[in-house]
Amino acid sequence: MNKLKLLVISGIFAIFATVSNAQVSIGISGTGVSMDAKGSETTSSDTRTETLEAVYGSIFVEYDTGNGFSIGADIMPYSVGSNSVLNERRSGNNGTEVHKASGKTVASVDIKDNIMLYAIKPLNDSVYIKAGFSQADLITEETMASSTNYPNATLEGMHLSLGTAIDTGQGVTLRAEAGYSDYDDVSVTSDGGTGANTVTVSELSGPHVRISLVKAF
């Protein structure tokens, strides 16, 4: 993740160093996502499917290459936290499995340093296609009944959108996009406690919509 941050920072400095040779734009965005995900763990035969919905803001800088497309970096400048999840287990056999630990487990996940690198290709004067790659840090916070801990992980995804750009006549362009996001599976394995357990989140994908205000220089 640190390498991607360095690449983004270096790219932003390079963009502003060449501002006299091409067009640079900055902007703000609001994005809404709705994604399905499946969760599983090695110590249980159960799987769980959830629909995850969120709205978040971001800022971006964009560079018109002069070759018919633009490249940009989009950054969410804050962390997004999930609601805490409580799982209470009782020792003994429930008919299908034997619980290795009893007690209460409280866990939450924060998404931090979400960065997307993207390219935009105009299809005509107002319609464009956008493709991007994103990375974010997944920060786990847990209080485990089994005294185990889970490490942090990296979330990587691909994004494809179709959008329209509208000149407001006030020196600012309004963009509206709709698209689809697909993330790689994420697995984390616990350490400590009574035994290792691997939790996997898979099939994380779904539609997104975005509204942006863009100022060109």
Protein backbone atom coordinates (compact mmCIF):
# COMPACT_ATOMS: atom_id res chain seq x y z
CA MET A 1 0.00 0.00 0.00
CA ASN A 2 2.89 2.39 0.76
CA LYS A 3 4.23 1.94 -2.79
CA LEU A 4 0.88 3.00 -4.24
CA LYS A 5 0.80 6.07 -1.98
CA LEU A 6 4.29 7.05 -3.15
CA LEU A 7 3.25 6.56 -6.78
CA VAL A 8 0.18 8.77 -6.31
CA ILE A 9 2.12 11.56 -4.57
CA SER A 10 4.87 11.49 -7.21
CA GLY A 11 2.27 11.57 -9.96
CA ILE A 12 0.49 14.59 -8.47
CA PHE A 13 3.75 16.55 -8.27
CA ALA A 14 4.56 15.58 -11.87
CA ILE A 15 1.11 16.72 -13.02
CA PHE A 16 1.48 20.20 -11.52
CA ALA A 17 5.03 20.48 -12.86
CA THR A 18 3.62 20.14 -16.40
CA VAL A 19 0.45 22.19 -15.90
CA SER A 20 1.46 24.65 -18.63
CA ASN A 21 1.58 21.84 -21.20
CA ALA A 22 -1.77 20.16 -20.54
CA GLN A 23 -5.00 20.58 -18.66
CA VAL A 24 -5.19 19.70 -14.98
CA SER A 25 -8.51 19.29 -13.14
CA ILE A 26 -9.39 18.84 -9.50
CA GLY A 27 -12.70 17.80 -8.03
CA ILE A 28 -14.81 16.31 -5.30
CA SER A 29 -17.07 13.27 -5.51
CA GLY A 30 -19.85 11.55 -3.63
CA THR A 31 -20.16 7.80 -4.25
CA GLY A 32 -22.82 5.30 -3.29
CA VAL A 33 -22.13 1.55 -3.42
CA SER A 34 -24.21 -1.58 -2.91
CA MET A 35 -22.25 -4.84 -2.91
CA ASP A 36 -22.91 -8.46 -2.09
CA ALA A 37 -20.30 -10.41 -0.12
CA LYS A 38 -19.94 -13.95 1.23
CA GLY A 39 -18.05 -14.75 4.43
CA SER A 40 -16.68 -18.07 5.65
CA GLU A 41 -14.19 -19.41 8.19
CA THR A 42 -12.21 -22.62 8.51
CA THR A 43 -13.46 -23.45 12.03
CA SER A 44 -17.10 -23.47 10.95
CA SER A 45 -19.11 -24.95 8.12
CA ASP A 46 -21.41 -21.93 8.12
CA THR A 47 -21.28 -19.23 5.43
CA ARG A 48 -22.92 -15.84 5.57
CA THR A 49 -24.03 -13.58 2.75
CA GLU A 50 -24.50 -9.87 3.29
CA THR A 51 -25.39 -6.82 1.20
CA LEU A 52 -23.06 -3.96 2.07
CA GLU A 53 -24.18 -0.40 1.35
CA ALA A 54 -22.20 2.79 1.91
CA VAL A 55 -21.91 6.43 0.84
CA TYR A 56 -18.53 8.18 0.96
CA GLY A 57 -16.78 11.31 -0.31
CA SER A 58 -13.46 11.69 -2.07
CA ILE A 59 -11.20 14.22 -3.76
CA PHE A 60 -9.32 13.75 -7.01
CA VAL A 61 -6.78 15.28 -9.37
CA GLU A 62 -6.84 14.58 -13.10
CA TYR A 63 -4.45 15.09 -15.98
CA ASP A 64 -5.47 15.41 -19.65
CA THR A 65 -2.70 13.68 -21.59
CA GLY A 66 -3.64 15.42 -24.84
CA ASN A 67 -3.89 12.01 -26.52
CA GLY A 68 -7.63 11.51 -26.22
CA PHE A 69 -7.78 10.32 -22.63
CA SER A 70 -7.16 11.50 -19.07
CA ILE A 71 -5.61 9.82 -16.04
CA GLY A 72 -6.35 10.57 -12.41
CA ALA A 73 -6.00 9.68 -8.74
CA ASP A 74 -9.00 9.60 -6.40
CA ILE A 75 -8.43 9.61 -2.63
CA MET A 76 -10.85 9.11 0.27
CA PRO A 77 -9.23 11.38 2.91
CA TYR A 78 -10.75 9.67 5.94
CA SER A 79 -11.55 6.21 7.32
CA VAL A 80 -14.89 4.43 7.05
CA GLY A 81 -15.77 2.11 9.94
CA SER A 82 -18.20 -0.78 10.03
CA ASN A 83 -20.67 -1.41 12.81
CA SER A 84 -19.34 -3.68 15.55
CA VAL A 85 -20.47 -7.29 15.25
CA LEU A 86 -21.18 -9.36 18.37
CA ASN A 87 -20.87 -13.16 18.23
CA GLU A 88 -21.61 -15.10 21.41
CA ARG A 89 -20.65 -18.75 21.61
CA ARG A 90 -21.33 -21.33 24.26
CA SER A 91 -19.00 -24.26 24.85
CA GLY A 92 -20.17 -27.72 23.91
CA ASN A 93 -21.60 -29.51 20.90
CA ASN A 94 -24.51 -27.85 19.09
CA GLY A 95 -25.23 -30.93 16.97
CA THR A 96 -23.10 -29.98 14.01
CA GLU A 97 -19.81 -28.73 15.46
CA VAL A 98 -17.93 -28.39 18.70
CA HIS A 99 -17.12 -24.82 19.69
CA LYS A 100 -13.48 -24.43 20.64
CA ALA A 101 -14.11 -21.37 22.78
CA SER A 102 -17.00 -19.84 24.64
CA GLY A 103 -17.72 -16.22 25.41
CA LYS A 104 -18.33 -13.02 23.47
CA THR A 105 -16.45 -11.84 20.39
CA VAL A 106 -16.74 -8.22 19.24
CA ALA A 107 -15.21 -7.24 15.90
CA SER A 108 -15.22 -4.30 13.48
CA VAL A 109 -13.34 -3.35 10.32
CA ASP A 110 -12.17 0.11 9.22
CA ILE A 111 -11.41 0.97 5.58
CA LYS A 112 -8.49 3.41 5.47
CA ASP A 113 -6.39 5.12 2.76
CA ASN A 114 -8.69 4.17 -0.12
CA ILE A 115 -6.93 5.24 -3.34
CA MET A 116 -8.10 4.70 -6.92
CA LEU A 117 -6.01 5.23 -10.06
CA TYR A 118 -8.15 5.58 -13.16
CA ALA A 119 -8.34 6.51 -16.83
CA ILE A 120 -11.15 8.32 -18.65
CA LYS A 121 -11.85 8.02 -22.38
CA PRO A 122 -14.45 10.39 -23.93
CA LEU A 123 -16.86 8.68 -26.31
CA ASN A 124 -18.28 12.02 -27.52
CA ASP A 125 -18.61 15.58 -26.21
CA SER A 126 -20.60 14.55 -23.12
CA VAL A 127 -20.30 10.78 -22.58
CA TYR A 128 -17.22 8.96 -21.32
CA ILE A 129 -16.05 5.57 -20.07
CA LYS A 130 -13.92 5.24 -16.95
CA ALA A 131 -11.80 2.31 -15.71
CA GLY A 132 -9.96 2.20 -12.40
CA PHE A 133 -7.96 0.13 -9.94
CA SER A 134 -8.20 0.74 -6.18
CA GLN A 135 -6.41 -0.26 -3.01
CA ALA A 136 -7.39 0.27 0.62
CA ASP A 137 -6.15 -0.86 4.02
CA LEU A 138 -8.52 -3.04 6.07
CA ILE A 139 -7.87 -2.37 9.75
CA THR A 140 -9.33 -5.03 12.06
CA GLU A 141 -10.33 -4.29 15.64
CA GLU A 142 -11.48 -7.22 17.74
CA THR A 143 -11.98 -8.51 21.25
CA MET A 144 -11.90 -12.28 20.92
CA ALA A 145 -13.31 -14.84 23.34
CA SER A 146 -10.51 -17.18 22.21
CA SER A 147 -7.76 -14.53 22.75
CA THR A 148 -6.84 -14.68 19.06
CA ASN A 149 -6.08 -11.68 16.83
CA TYR A 150 -6.52 -11.06 13.14
CA PRO A 151 -3.98 -9.09 11.07
CA ASN A 152 -4.82 -6.16 8.81
CA ALA A 153 -5.24 -6.78 5.10
CA THR A 154 -5.31 -5.00 1.73
CA LEU A 155 -8.50 -4.66 -0.32
CA GLU A 156 -7.99 -4.41 -4.10
CA GLY A 157 -10.67 -3.87 -6.71
CA MET A 158 -11.43 -3.06 -10.33
CA HIS A 159 -14.04 -0.50 -11.36
CA LEU A 160 -15.78 0.26 -14.67
CA SER A 161 -18.20 3.17 -15.20
CA LEU A 162 -20.14 4.97 -17.90
CA GLY A 163 -20.64 8.67 -17.27
CA THR A 164 -21.87 11.96 -18.62
CA ALA A 165 -20.32 15.41 -18.20
CA ILE A 166 -22.41 18.61 -18.12
CA ASP A 167 -20.93 22.11 -18.37
CA THR A 168 -22.72 24.21 -15.74
CA GLY A 169 -21.62 27.48 -17.34
CA GLN A 170 -20.07 28.54 -14.02
CA GLY A 171 -16.56 27.26 -14.66
CA VAL A 172 -17.41 23.89 -13.11
CA THR A 173 -18.37 20.62 -14.80
CA LEU A 174 -20.93 18.26 -13.28
CA ARG A 175 -20.32 14.54 -13.81
CA ALA A 176 -22.69 11.64 -13.17
CA GLU A 177 -21.51 8.02 -13.37
CA ALA A 178 -22.94 4.55 -12.94
CA GLY A 179 -20.85 1.41 -12.97
CA TYR A 180 -19.77 -1.86 -11.42
CA SER A 181 -17.03 -2.75 -8.93
CA ASP A 182 -15.41 -6.15 -8.39
CA TYR A 183 -12.99 -6.80 -5.49
CA ASP A 184 -10.46 -9.58 -4.93
CA ASP A 185 -11.13 -12.11 -2.19
CA VAL A 186 -9.62 -11.24 1.19
CA SER A 187 -8.40 -13.84 3.69
CA VAL A 188 -6.92 -13.30 7.15
CA THR A 189 -5.62 -15.97 9.54
CA SER A 190 -5.73 -15.53 13.29
CA ASP A 191 -2.73 -15.91 15.57
CA GLY A 192 -2.56 -16.72 19.25
CA GLY A 193 -5.40 -18.26 21.24
CA THR A 194 -6.45 -21.89 21.03
CA GLY A 195 -5.97 -22.41 17.30
CA ALA A 196 -5.68 -20.77 13.90
CA ASN A 197 -8.81 -19.72 12.05
CA THR A 198 -8.91 -18.28 8.52
CA VAL A 199 -11.72 -15.89 7.66
CA THR A 200 -12.40 -15.30 3.96
CA VAL A 201 -14.58 -12.62 2.37
CA SER A 202 -15.35 -13.45 -1.27
CA GLU A 203 -17.60 -12.45 -4.17
CA LEU A 204 -17.47 -8.80 -3.09
CA SER A 205 -18.98 -6.96 -6.04
CA GLY A 206 -21.86 -4.74 -7.05
CA PRO A 207 -23.03 -1.48 -8.65
CA HIS A 208 -21.96 2.04 -7.77
CA VAL A 209 -23.08 5.56 -8.64
CA ARG A 210 -21.06 8.76 -8.38
CA ILE A 211 -21.65 12.51 -8.63
CA SER A 212 -18.65 14.82 -9.10
CA LEU A 213 -17.90 18.51 -9.43
CA VAL A 214 -14.81 19.23 -11.52
CA LYS A 215 -12.76 22.40 -11.97
CA ALA A 216 -10.29 22.59 -14.86
CA PHE A 217 -7.20 24.83 -14.91
